[in-house]
Every structure is written in structure tokens, then in C-alpha cells.
């Protein structure tokens, strides 16, 4: 597996880009009819190109393609199919690359239009989705014929995808394939060792469940929502359903939040009446936790759009906070009894939930983000009152954004000391505690016999206390 395209692959050529797809082959005077089911596959191919070539997030790529051309005309069912294909392809892109490379030793021909994406979309359906092989292959062939530059390779598409369908079980059982970019997997092996690194990748292959944070009485709401109470106090839904139709949603009893994401706010230990600052607060799950604990919360985020979502969530939950649109580095105020800094990061701990992250990040992102985090930490520290707490967290698996960040901070700030985290504070998950007393969750924690009910996001958190004057 090399890069984001099979066998290294050719980059996109300008003759076949954009949302509009040519439907006729060269030299044909008439446009053939579009087979039922082809439009969402074509849109899925452009979504993947937006991600792997242009670095868009999955959500941004979907919004882009649904906002124009063929994508704008798709109904809700077809849009769901586009998302399902793109998500499955990204989650198992290493497997798909390996399967294509093994059957295309010369790689993707140059100037072949959407051929790479057509093959990935087809392979994702054949290997991972409940779609008949014949339909997936035939539509991929039609797709190739409809693309001016992929047209000469329609027979190749047919042959390659049929061979993949025949070898499906062996392809999916191949334990040597890694569904992550090589540079990222190598980092995880260096940090955690080969066995743990492979467990991380395996966990990130699985579709995640939906976790819910409740204001109170998780056992009662687990029963009402047909969920299970996790050791951390969150509820994990056992069935997929429309969130807004569940009991308690309109009443503002609970909100969606991965159980790992709920831990940093718990570590603050907010008490009624305390002044607590939530930096980089949107979309607001942690703000809601702090406000529900009775704290007087100031929520700061640089994105006005994301803050609107935060305000909407607080309104539904009947919770209040002072919401401020500001870059966290420019915010002044306090001092605060506690500050929570959930810093911008590479988000490599959330790949099971956001599989595009694996294919849109690079080593340079980790370096630049670590520099940003260092500055944010220093600024956050200045806002903490003597004797107050500072919790730093990231949803990253990278030590530069976690353990190393805190070690460097403590070396710079003699007025702060670590307040070690205990297992009882994080649901008894002892393996999530580092020797220094910080929190480090990995995606394979919280195992369950049902794959969708297992795991949590990868998070790092450290709790620090400013020494009293």
C-alpha cells in the first residue's frame, strides 16, 4: 500500500475533474440512459477524491458534493448510500489498496480519470457492504464507461472487481494488511509496540456505537433508551435509531458524546458555583457536563458557526453558559477555579468515528499542532487561579500531543504540579492510566462480544494544579 491510491497511482488529471460527469463515450452522439443506482456511486467517487486528493474531511466532502451537480439531486436514501460507501472505503482503505494492487501489478494507468475511485467504490461494496456483487460490479463498469478517461478501462474494472469478489473471504482475513497509512502505523508501533498498534488498527476498523451523556440517573435512562451503562457512567445505545426520536431528546435530558470525550470534564471535578473556563468548547458536550454539575461556565471557541451549535445544544438541555467567540489564545478573563483545554489536535484517536482522519493527516500536522498546543497550554495556565485546576486533553494517540506536551509544560511552569488521576475516576479502566498518572485511552478498550458495542475514542488527558500563593 502506497499513498492514497492503489499502487501509488496517478494523480487526478484536469480533463476529468469536477462534479459534472460526462455520460457519453468519446465519439458517441447520444447520451445513454443512466442506470438506476449509478448516481450515488458517482458522487461517492467524487467524495473520495475530495478527501484523498484535496484533503477535505468526510463531512466537508459530502457537503460539497451534495451541494452541487448530481449530488444535489440525490434523495435521502441515496445520500445515505454515498456516506456508507465512502465511510466503508475509508475505514478499510488499506485492505482495498492491497486487493487492487495484487490484481493490478502495474498500478492505475496515467490519465485514467476516476478509475482509481471507481475501483475503490466498487471494491468497498463487494467487500464490505450488503450489496449483491453483480450489481456492484455492473454499476462500476457503467461508471467507467461514463467517464471519458476511464472509458478504455471498463473491461479492466469488470475483471478486477470480479476477482476481488471471488477472493472476498481471503482478502478480509489477511492479517498482514494494515488499514492505516504506513507512516502512521509505524509511529504507533514505535510508541505502543507492534501488538498494541495492531489492536488499535483493528479497533478502528469497526463501526463505533453511539454514546450518550445524561444529566442524572444513567441506569433509568439506559433502560428507557434500550442501552447499556458503561463503567464511565455513559450510556451506549444497543441499536441504531434516529437520535431526535428517542425519549428524553426534546426534554433535554441527555446529549450524544463518546464516553472517552466525557472523561476530561469529569476530571475537572466541577462544583456548584465554581467559575470554570472551557477553551475550544464547541460543539459543547464538555460545556454541558460542566454546566450540569452546577458550575458557572464560560465557553470559548473561535468558530461562530460551531458556537451556534453549542448554543442550540445548551438551549435544548436547559443549561446556561457565557458563550464567547474568540481565539483561545486571545481570550482574557479570570482567574478561574478550573480551566479545561480540549486542544485542537490531529484527532488520530477518533479514526474509528472519522476514518477520513487517517488519510488527510501527515507528520507535519502533528508537528504544527504540537506547537499550537504548547502556546494554548501556556495561555490557559495564566487563566487559572492559585490553587485551581487545569485539565488538558486531546483526542490524539500521538505522544507529542499528549505525554510529551505535559512533560514540557511542567518543565516550563514550576508553579504547576500534576494531580494524578485514579482508576475510580475513569470507571475503573486501570489500563487507561499512565505511570505518571495521566489518562490515555486506546480504541480497543472496553471490549464487548458485539463489535459495535466495543471500544471508545483514543484520548489523552492530564490534570494539573496551580500551587497556592
Protein backbone atom coordinates (compact mmCIF):
# COMPACT_ATOMS: atom_id res chain seq x y z
CA UNK A 1 0.00 0.00 0.00
CA UNK A 2 1.44 3.33 -1.04
CA UNK A 3 -0.16 6.71 -0.68
CA UNK A 4 -3.90 7.15 -1.02
CA UNK A 5 -4.31 5.50 -4.41
CA UNK A 6 -3.73 1.88 -5.46
CA UNK A 7 -0.05 1.12 -6.20
CA UNK A 8 0.94 4.75 -5.78
CA UNK A 9 -1.47 5.63 -8.54
CA UNK A 10 -1.74 8.55 -10.92
CA UNK A 11 -2.95 11.86 -9.55
CA UNK A 12 -6.09 13.35 -10.96
CA UNK A 13 -5.96 14.78 -14.46
CA UNK A 14 -7.78 18.01 -15.20
CA UNK A 15 -9.80 16.59 -18.08
CA UNK A 16 -11.94 14.51 -15.76
CA UNK A 17 -12.42 16.61 -12.61
CA UNK A 18 -15.38 18.49 -11.15
CA UNK A 19 -18.84 17.47 -10.05
CA UNK A 20 -20.23 17.13 -13.56
CA UNK A 21 -19.58 13.70 -15.06
CA UNK A 22 -19.51 13.09 -18.79
CA UNK A 23 -22.05 10.41 -19.57
CA UNK A 24 -21.12 9.59 -23.15
CA UNK A 25 -18.10 7.81 -24.54
CA UNK A 26 -15.82 9.59 -26.99
CA UNK A 27 -17.36 9.83 -30.43
CA UNK A 28 -20.87 8.93 -29.31
CA UNK A 29 -23.60 11.33 -30.39
CA UNK A 30 -26.23 10.21 -27.89
CA UNK A 31 -26.12 10.14 -24.13
CA UNK A 32 -27.02 6.64 -22.91
CA UNK A 33 -29.56 6.30 -20.09
CA UNK A 34 -28.13 6.41 -16.56
CA UNK A 35 -28.65 3.06 -14.80
CA UNK A 36 -30.59 3.16 -11.55
CA UNK A 37 -28.10 3.27 -8.69
CA UNK A 38 -25.25 4.84 -10.64
CA UNK A 39 -25.62 8.47 -9.46
CA UNK A 40 -24.82 7.76 -5.78
CA UNK A 41 -21.79 5.67 -6.81
CA UNK A 42 -20.51 8.53 -8.96
CA UNK A 43 -20.99 11.01 -6.15
CA UNK A 44 -19.23 8.64 -3.73
CA UNK A 45 -16.24 8.56 -6.09
CA UNK A 46 -16.03 12.35 -6.08
CA UNK A 47 -16.34 12.39 -2.30
CA UNK A 48 -13.35 10.07 -2.05
CA UNK A 49 -11.38 12.21 -4.47
CA UNK A 50 -12.18 15.33 -2.44
CA UNK A 51 -10.77 13.57 0.62
CA UNK A 52 -7.71 11.74 -0.69
CA UNK A 53 -6.60 14.32 -3.26
CA UNK A 54 -7.78 17.61 -1.77
CA UNK A 55 -7.67 16.85 1.95
CA UNK A 56 -11.30 17.64 2.74
CA UNK A 57 -12.90 15.99 5.74
CA UNK A 58 -15.61 13.44 5.04
CA UNK A 59 -18.32 15.81 6.24
CA UNK A 60 -16.97 18.68 4.13
CA UNK A 61 -16.62 16.46 1.07
CA UNK A 62 -20.20 15.24 1.45
CA UNK A 63 -21.47 18.80 1.88
CA UNK A 64 -19.50 19.85 -1.21
CA UNK A 65 -20.87 17.08 -3.41
CA UNK A 66 -24.43 17.28 -2.08
CA UNK A 67 -24.42 21.00 -2.73
CA UNK A 68 -23.94 20.90 -6.48
CA UNK A 69 -24.45 18.92 -9.67
CA UNK A 70 -25.59 15.33 -9.49
CA UNK A 71 -25.20 15.16 -5.72
CA UNK A 72 -27.73 17.92 -5.13
CA UNK A 73 -30.43 15.82 -6.81
CA UNK A 74 -29.95 12.72 -4.64
CA UNK A 75 -32.72 11.78 -2.26
CA UNK A 76 -32.14 10.92 1.41
CA UNK A 77 -31.73 7.21 0.74
CA UNK A 78 -29.10 7.73 -1.96
CA UNK A 79 -27.23 10.23 0.21
CA UNK A 80 -27.12 7.65 2.97
CA UNK A 81 -25.65 5.19 0.46
CA UNK A 82 -22.98 7.70 -0.58
CA UNK A 83 -21.96 8.15 3.06
CA UNK A 84 -21.98 4.38 3.67
CA UNK A 85 -19.76 3.67 0.66
CA UNK A 86 -17.31 6.46 1.46
CA UNK A 87 -17.11 5.55 5.14
CA UNK A 88 -16.59 1.85 4.46
CA UNK A 89 -13.94 2.60 1.84
CA UNK A 90 -12.00 4.92 4.16
CA UNK A 91 -12.25 2.56 7.12
CA UNK A 92 -10.73 -0.30 5.10
CA UNK A 93 -8.73 1.64 2.53
CA UNK A 94 -5.56 -0.31 3.28
CA UNK A 95 -7.37 -3.57 2.60
CA UNK A 96 -8.86 -2.20 -0.62
CA UNK A 97 -5.50 -0.87 -1.82
CA UNK A 98 -3.86 -4.23 -1.15
CA UNK A 99 -6.62 -6.10 -3.00
CA UNK A 100 -6.34 -3.81 -6.02
CA UNK A 101 -2.53 -3.80 -6.03
CA UNK A 102 -2.45 -7.61 -6.03
CA UNK A 103 -4.64 -7.69 -9.14
CA UNK A 104 -3.15 -4.64 -10.88
CA UNK A 105 0.64 -5.05 -10.63
CA UNK A 106 1.20 -2.09 -12.96
CA UNK A 107 -0.99 0.17 -10.86
CA UNK A 108 -3.51 2.73 -12.06
CA UNK A 109 -2.81 3.91 -15.62
CA UNK A 110 -1.92 7.57 -16.04
CA UNK A 111 -4.66 9.96 -17.17
CA UNK A 112 -7.38 7.42 -16.42
CA UNK A 113 -9.88 9.84 -14.93
CA UNK A 114 -11.85 8.49 -11.99
CA UNK A 115 -10.61 4.94 -12.49
CA UNK A 116 -8.98 4.69 -9.05
CA UNK A 117 -12.08 5.98 -7.28
CA UNK A 118 -14.38 3.80 -9.39
CA UNK A 119 -12.41 0.73 -8.35
CA UNK A 120 -12.36 1.75 -4.67
CA UNK A 121 -16.11 2.41 -4.66
CA UNK A 122 -16.73 -0.95 -6.31
CA UNK A 123 -14.37 -2.84 -4.02
CA UNK A 124 -15.92 -1.26 -0.91
CA UNK A 125 -19.34 -2.55 -1.96
CA UNK A 126 -18.08 -6.01 -2.88
CA UNK A 127 -16.01 -6.47 0.27
CA UNK A 128 -17.83 -4.56 2.96
CA UNK A 129 -21.43 -3.67 2.17
CA UNK A 130 -24.58 -5.74 1.83
CA UNK A 131 -24.84 -5.15 -1.90
CA UNK A 132 -25.01 -8.00 -4.46
CA UNK A 133 -21.68 -8.49 -6.24
CA UNK A 134 -23.26 -8.41 -9.67
CA UNK A 135 -24.92 -5.04 -9.03
CA UNK A 136 -21.75 -3.52 -7.59
CA UNK A 137 -19.59 -4.73 -10.48
CA UNK A 138 -22.04 -3.84 -13.24
CA UNK A 139 -22.54 -0.33 -11.90
CA UNK A 140 -18.78 0.16 -11.64
CA UNK A 141 -18.43 -0.85 -15.30
CA UNK A 142 -21.17 1.62 -16.27
CA UNK A 143 -19.37 4.23 -14.19
CA UNK A 144 -16.12 3.66 -16.07
CA UNK A 145 -17.88 3.84 -19.42
CA UNK A 146 -19.44 7.15 -18.40
CA UNK A 147 -16.08 8.75 -17.60
CA UNK A 148 -14.19 9.93 -20.70
CA UNK A 149 -10.75 8.95 -19.43
CA UNK A 150 -11.77 5.79 -17.58
CA UNK A 151 -13.77 4.52 -20.58
CA UNK A 152 -10.91 2.45 -22.10
CA UNK A 153 -10.55 0.52 -18.83
CA UNK A 154 -14.15 -0.63 -18.36
CA UNK A 155 -13.23 -4.27 -19.07
CA UNK A 156 -10.38 -3.98 -16.55
CA UNK A 157 -12.84 -2.75 -13.92
CA UNK A 158 -15.07 -5.75 -14.59
CA UNK A 159 -12.22 -8.24 -14.35
CA UNK A 160 -10.57 -6.79 -11.25
CA UNK A 161 -13.77 -6.43 -9.23
CA UNK A 162 -14.97 -9.92 -10.14
CA UNK A 163 -11.64 -11.35 -8.98
CA UNK A 164 -11.95 -9.42 -5.74
CA UNK A 165 -15.46 -10.77 -5.21
CA UNK A 166 -14.20 -14.32 -5.71
CA UNK A 167 -11.45 -13.82 -3.14
CA UNK A 168 -13.50 -11.81 -0.63
CA UNK A 169 -13.04 -14.10 2.39
CA UNK A 170 -9.30 -14.41 1.89
CA UNK A 171 -8.91 -10.66 1.39
CA UNK A 172 -10.77 -9.80 4.58
CA UNK A 173 -8.92 -12.48 6.55
CA UNK A 174 -5.45 -11.22 5.59
CA UNK A 175 -3.85 -10.24 8.89
CA UNK A 176 -0.79 -8.68 7.24
CA UNK A 177 -2.78 -5.78 5.78
CA UNK A 178 -2.84 -2.55 7.80
CA UNK A 179 -5.79 -0.19 7.39
CA UNK A 180 -3.77 2.94 8.09
CA UNK A 181 -1.10 4.88 6.22
CA UNK A 182 2.30 3.26 6.75
CA UNK A 183 3.82 6.38 8.34
CA UNK A 184 1.06 6.47 10.95
CA UNK A 185 1.18 2.76 11.74
CA UNK A 186 4.96 2.94 12.10
CA UNK A 187 4.52 5.74 14.64
CA UNK A 188 2.06 3.65 16.66
CA UNK A 189 4.42 0.67 16.60
CA UNK A 190 7.21 2.90 17.91
CA UNK A 191 5.02 4.37 20.65
CA UNK A 192 2.97 1.37 21.75
CA UNK A 193 4.67 -1.70 20.29
CA UNK A 194 3.55 -3.91 17.41
CA UNK A 195 0.84 -5.83 19.28
CA UNK A 196 -0.90 -2.74 20.63
CA UNK A 197 -0.53 -0.90 17.31
CA UNK A 198 -2.29 -3.73 15.51
CA UNK A 199 -5.02 -3.75 18.16
CA UNK A 200 -5.52 -0.02 17.55
CA UNK A 201 -5.91 -0.56 13.81
CA UNK A 202 -8.27 -3.49 14.32
CA UNK A 203 -10.47 -1.43 16.67
CA UNK A 204 -10.55 1.45 14.21
CA UNK A 205 -11.87 -0.85 11.50
CA UNK A 206 -15.11 -1.33 13.42
CA UNK A 207 -18.16 0.86 13.20
CA UNK A 208 -18.49 2.69 16.53
CA UNK A 209 -21.54 2.71 18.73
CA UNK A 210 -23.39 5.81 19.91
CA UNK A 211 -22.71 7.01 23.45
CA UNK A 212 -24.89 9.36 25.46
CA UNK A 213 -24.16 11.54 28.48
CA UNK A 214 -27.09 12.11 30.84
CA UNK A 215 -27.71 14.77 33.44
CA UNK A 216 -28.60 12.15 36.06
CA UNK A 217 -29.76 8.56 36.65
CA UNK A 218 -27.96 6.71 33.81
CA UNK A 219 -29.50 3.37 34.85
CA UNK A 220 -33.03 4.69 34.36
CA UNK A 221 -32.20 6.23 31.00
CA UNK A 222 -30.30 3.17 29.82
CA UNK A 223 -33.49 1.19 30.33
CA UNK A 224 -35.65 3.78 28.57
CA UNK A 225 -33.22 4.12 25.66
CA UNK A 226 -32.54 0.40 25.31
CA UNK A 227 -28.89 0.99 26.12
CA UNK A 228 -26.18 -0.23 28.44
CA UNK A 229 -24.45 1.74 31.19
CA UNK A 230 -20.70 1.89 30.64
CA UNK A 231 -18.24 1.88 33.55
CA UNK A 232 -17.64 5.59 32.96
CA UNK A 233 -21.32 6.42 33.51
CA UNK A 234 -22.15 7.00 29.86
CA UNK A 235 -24.90 5.08 28.09
CA UNK A 236 -24.16 3.13 24.92
CA UNK A 237 -27.13 2.52 22.64
CA UNK A 238 -27.51 -1.11 21.63
CA UNK A 239 -29.49 -0.32 18.48
CA UNK A 240 -29.14 2.29 15.77
CA UNK A 241 -32.04 4.69 15.60
CA UNK A 242 -32.89 8.30 14.87
CA UNK A 243 -31.43 10.25 17.78
CA UNK A 244 -34.02 13.03 17.74
CA UNK A 245 -36.85 10.49 18.06
CA UNK A 246 -35.54 8.90 21.28
CA UNK A 247 -37.19 9.55 24.65
CA UNK A 248 -35.67 12.46 26.51
CA UNK A 249 -34.23 14.25 23.49
CA UNK A 250 -36.84 17.00 23.30
CA UNK A 251 -36.82 17.29 27.07
CA UNK A 252 -33.07 17.91 27.05
CA UNK A 253 -32.20 15.05 29.40
CA UNK A 254 -29.11 13.86 27.52
CA UNK A 255 -26.72 14.56 24.66
CA UNK A 256 -24.55 12.46 22.31
CA UNK A 257 -20.91 12.27 23.42
CA UNK A 258 -18.34 9.49 23.13
CA UNK A 259 -17.56 8.13 26.56
CA UNK A 260 -13.85 8.97 26.22
CA UNK A 261 -14.74 12.56 25.33
CA UNK A 262 -16.73 12.82 28.56
CA UNK A 263 -13.76 12.00 30.81
CA UNK A 264 -11.78 15.30 30.69
CA UNK A 265 -14.73 17.29 32.03
CA UNK A 266 -15.25 14.70 34.77
CA UNK A 267 -11.61 15.13 35.79
CA UNK A 268 -12.22 18.83 36.41
CA UNK A 269 -14.42 17.85 39.35
CA UNK A 270 -16.56 20.96 38.92
CA UNK A 271 -18.52 22.04 41.99
CA UNK A 272 -21.66 24.20 42.16
CA UNK A 273 -20.80 27.86 41.93
CA UNK A 274 -17.23 27.40 40.74
CA UNK A 275 -16.04 29.52 37.83
CA UNK A 276 -14.92 27.15 35.08
CA UNK A 277 -13.48 28.06 31.68
CA UNK A 278 -13.98 25.70 28.72
CA UNK A 279 -11.50 26.62 25.99
CA UNK A 280 -12.04 25.33 22.42
CA UNK A 281 -15.52 24.44 23.67
CA UNK A 282 -17.61 23.69 20.58
CA UNK A 283 -19.67 21.65 19.88
CA UNK A 284 -20.41 21.77 23.60
CA UNK A 285 -20.54 18.33 25.17
CA UNK A 286 -17.97 19.25 27.81
CA UNK A 287 -19.62 22.62 28.41
CA UNK A 288 -22.89 20.79 29.08
CA UNK A 289 -21.19 18.47 31.57
CA UNK A 290 -19.66 21.37 33.49
CA UNK A 291 -22.91 23.36 33.50
CA UNK A 292 -24.92 20.30 34.57
CA UNK A 293 -22.54 19.97 37.55
CA UNK A 294 -23.62 23.44 38.67
CA UNK A 295 -20.53 25.38 37.63
CA UNK A 296 -20.63 28.90 36.24
CA UNK A 297 -19.18 28.17 32.82
CA UNK A 298 -17.52 30.40 30.24
CA UNK A 299 -17.32 28.61 26.88
CA UNK A 300 -14.83 29.96 24.33
CA UNK A 301 -14.39 28.92 20.70
CA UNK A 302 -13.09 30.71 17.62
CA UNK A 303 -15.81 29.40 15.26
CA UNK A 304 -19.09 31.39 15.31
CA UNK A 305 -20.78 28.59 13.37
CA UNK A 306 -19.76 25.93 15.87
CA UNK A 307 -20.79 28.20 18.73
CA UNK A 308 -24.29 28.41 17.25
CA UNK A 309 -24.49 24.64 17.54
CA UNK A 310 -23.24 24.91 21.14
CA UNK A 311 -25.92 27.47 21.97
CA UNK A 312 -28.60 25.30 20.39
CA UNK A 313 -27.46 22.33 22.46
CA UNK A 314 -27.48 24.34 25.68
CA UNK A 315 -30.97 25.65 24.90
CA UNK A 316 -32.31 22.14 24.33
CA UNK A 317 -30.65 20.96 27.54
CA UNK A 318 -31.92 23.95 29.57
CA UNK A 319 -28.34 24.73 30.60
CA UNK A 320 -26.58 28.08 30.64
CA UNK A 321 -23.06 29.27 29.91
CA UNK A 322 -21.39 32.53 28.95
CA UNK A 323 -20.52 31.86 25.30
CA UNK A 324 -17.64 33.85 23.82
CA UNK A 325 -16.42 33.88 20.21
CA UNK A 326 -12.65 34.26 20.46
CA UNK A 327 -9.39 32.57 19.62
CA UNK A 328 -8.45 30.81 22.85
CA UNK A 329 -5.01 32.44 22.71
CA UNK A 330 -6.58 35.90 22.76
CA UNK A 331 -9.17 35.33 25.46
CA UNK A 332 -8.65 37.28 28.68
CA UNK A 333 -10.52 36.93 31.93
CA UNK A 334 -10.50 35.09 35.18
CA UNK A 335 -8.84 33.93 37.17
CA UNK A 336 -10.92 30.74 37.06
CA UNK A 337 -11.24 27.98 39.62
CA UNK A 338 -10.71 25.47 36.83
CA UNK A 339 -9.81 25.57 33.14
CA UNK A 340 -10.48 22.80 30.62
CA UNK A 341 -8.40 22.95 27.45
CA UNK A 342 -9.52 20.36 24.91
CA UNK A 343 -6.93 21.43 22.39
CA UNK A 344 -7.06 21.21 18.59
CA UNK A 345 -5.16 18.08 17.58
CA UNK A 346 -4.54 15.53 14.84
CA UNK A 347 -7.58 13.54 16.08
CA UNK A 348 -5.91 10.19 15.38
CA UNK A 349 -7.80 8.74 18.34
CA UNK A 350 -11.12 9.24 16.55
CA UNK A 351 -10.38 7.36 13.32
CA UNK A 352 -12.99 4.69 14.06
CA UNK A 353 -15.57 7.50 14.11
CA UNK A 354 -13.90 9.74 11.50
CA UNK A 355 -11.99 7.40 9.15
CA UNK A 356 -11.01 10.27 6.85
CA UNK A 357 -8.57 11.46 9.53
CA UNK A 358 -6.14 8.64 8.72
CA UNK A 359 -5.89 9.71 5.09
CA UNK A 360 -5.90 13.50 5.43
CA UNK A 361 -3.22 13.94 8.11
CA UNK A 362 0.56 13.90 7.75
CA UNK A 363 3.55 14.04 10.11
CA UNK A 364 3.81 17.78 9.53
CA UNK A 365 0.33 18.24 11.01
CA UNK A 366 1.39 16.66 14.28
CA UNK A 367 4.42 18.92 14.49
CA UNK A 368 2.48 22.11 13.79
CA UNK A 369 -0.37 21.17 16.11
CA UNK A 370 2.05 20.38 18.94
CA UNK A 371 3.42 23.91 18.62
CA UNK A 372 -0.10 25.34 18.76
CA UNK A 373 -0.97 23.20 21.79
CA UNK A 374 2.10 24.40 23.66
CA UNK A 375 1.06 28.03 23.21
CA UNK A 376 -2.53 27.27 24.22
CA UNK A 377 -1.37 25.49 27.37
CA UNK A 378 0.77 28.42 28.42
CA UNK A 379 -2.11 30.83 27.89
CA UNK A 380 -4.60 28.57 29.69
CA UNK A 381 -2.25 28.32 32.67
CA UNK A 382 -2.28 32.10 33.09
CA UNK A 383 -6.07 31.99 33.50
CA UNK A 384 -6.04 29.53 36.42
CA UNK A 385 -6.42 30.92 39.93
CA UNK A 386 -3.86 29.93 42.61
CA UNK A 387 -4.91 26.52 43.88
CA UNK A 388 -7.06 25.99 40.77
CA UNK A 389 -7.09 23.07 38.32
CA UNK A 390 -6.09 22.83 34.68
CA UNK A 391 -7.15 19.81 32.61
CA UNK A 392 -5.51 19.43 29.21
CA UNK A 393 -6.89 16.89 26.72
CA UNK A 394 -6.61 15.84 23.09
CA UNK A 395 -8.26 13.12 21.04
CA UNK A 396 -4.86 12.14 19.62
CA UNK A 397 -2.81 8.97 20.01
CA UNK A 398 0.44 10.83 19.39
CA UNK A 399 2.77 11.41 22.39
CA UNK A 400 3.84 14.82 21.07
CA UNK A 401 0.25 15.94 21.62
CA UNK A 402 -0.08 14.25 25.00
CA UNK A 403 2.58 12.93 27.35
CA UNK A 404 5.41 14.96 25.84
CA UNK A 405 3.29 18.10 25.87
CA UNK A 406 2.68 17.84 29.61
CA UNK A 407 6.30 16.98 30.41
CA UNK A 408 7.44 20.11 28.57
CA UNK A 409 4.76 22.24 30.22
CA UNK A 410 5.75 21.17 33.73
CA UNK A 411 9.38 21.92 32.92
CA UNK A 412 8.35 25.47 31.94
CA UNK A 413 5.91 26.07 34.81
CA UNK A 414 7.27 25.43 38.28
CA UNK A 415 4.02 26.82 39.73
CA UNK A 416 2.05 23.81 38.45
CA UNK A 417 2.12 20.18 39.56
CA UNK A 418 0.40 17.07 38.27
CA UNK A 419 -2.68 15.86 40.18
CA UNK A 420 -2.65 12.12 39.36
CA UNK A 421 -5.85 10.55 38.07
CA UNK A 422 -7.23 7.48 39.84
CA UNK A 423 -8.89 4.48 38.20
CA UNK A 424 -12.13 5.11 40.11
CA UNK A 425 -12.46 8.47 38.34
CA UNK A 426 -12.49 6.81 34.92
CA UNK A 427 -14.76 3.85 35.53
CA UNK A 428 -12.06 1.53 36.84
CA UNK A 429 -10.26 1.35 33.49
CA UNK A 430 -6.83 0.87 35.04
CA UNK A 431 -5.09 0.24 31.71
CA UNK A 432 -6.05 3.80 30.72
CA UNK A 433 -3.74 5.33 33.35
CA UNK A 434 -0.13 6.11 32.52
CA UNK A 435 2.69 5.55 35.04
CA UNK A 436 2.78 9.31 35.59
CA UNK A 437 -0.91 9.43 36.47
CA UNK A 438 -2.35 10.81 33.23
CA UNK A 439 -5.20 9.35 31.18
CA UNK A 440 -4.52 7.53 27.91
CA UNK A 441 -7.47 5.67 26.39
CA UNK A 442 -6.99 3.48 23.32
CA UNK A 443 -9.70 2.47 20.81
CA UNK A 444 -9.59 -1.20 21.81
CA UNK A 445 -10.50 -0.57 25.46
CA UNK A 446 -13.98 -1.51 26.76
CA UNK A 447 -14.19 -4.81 24.83
CA UNK A 448 -17.55 -6.39 24.02
CA UNK A 449 -18.54 -9.56 22.17
CA UNK A 450 -20.65 -7.38 19.87
CA UNK A 451 -18.15 -5.37 17.85
CA UNK A 452 -20.31 -2.25 17.56
CA UNK A 453 -20.68 -2.12 21.35
CA UNK A 454 -16.93 -2.26 21.97
CA UNK A 455 -14.27 0.41 22.16
CA UNK A 456 -14.03 4.14 22.71
CA UNK A 457 -12.13 7.04 21.22
CA UNK A 458 -8.43 7.43 21.88
CA UNK A 459 -7.89 10.32 24.30
CA UNK A 460 -5.14 11.82 26.41
CA UNK A 461 -5.81 13.96 29.47
CA UNK A 462 -3.69 15.32 32.28
CA UNK A 463 -4.84 17.17 35.39
CA UNK A 464 -2.61 19.89 36.80
CA UNK A 465 -2.94 22.09 39.88
CA UNK A 466 -1.59 25.60 40.28
CA UNK A 467 0.22 25.96 43.52
CA UNK A 468 -1.36 28.31 46.04
CA UNK A 469 0.41 31.60 46.65
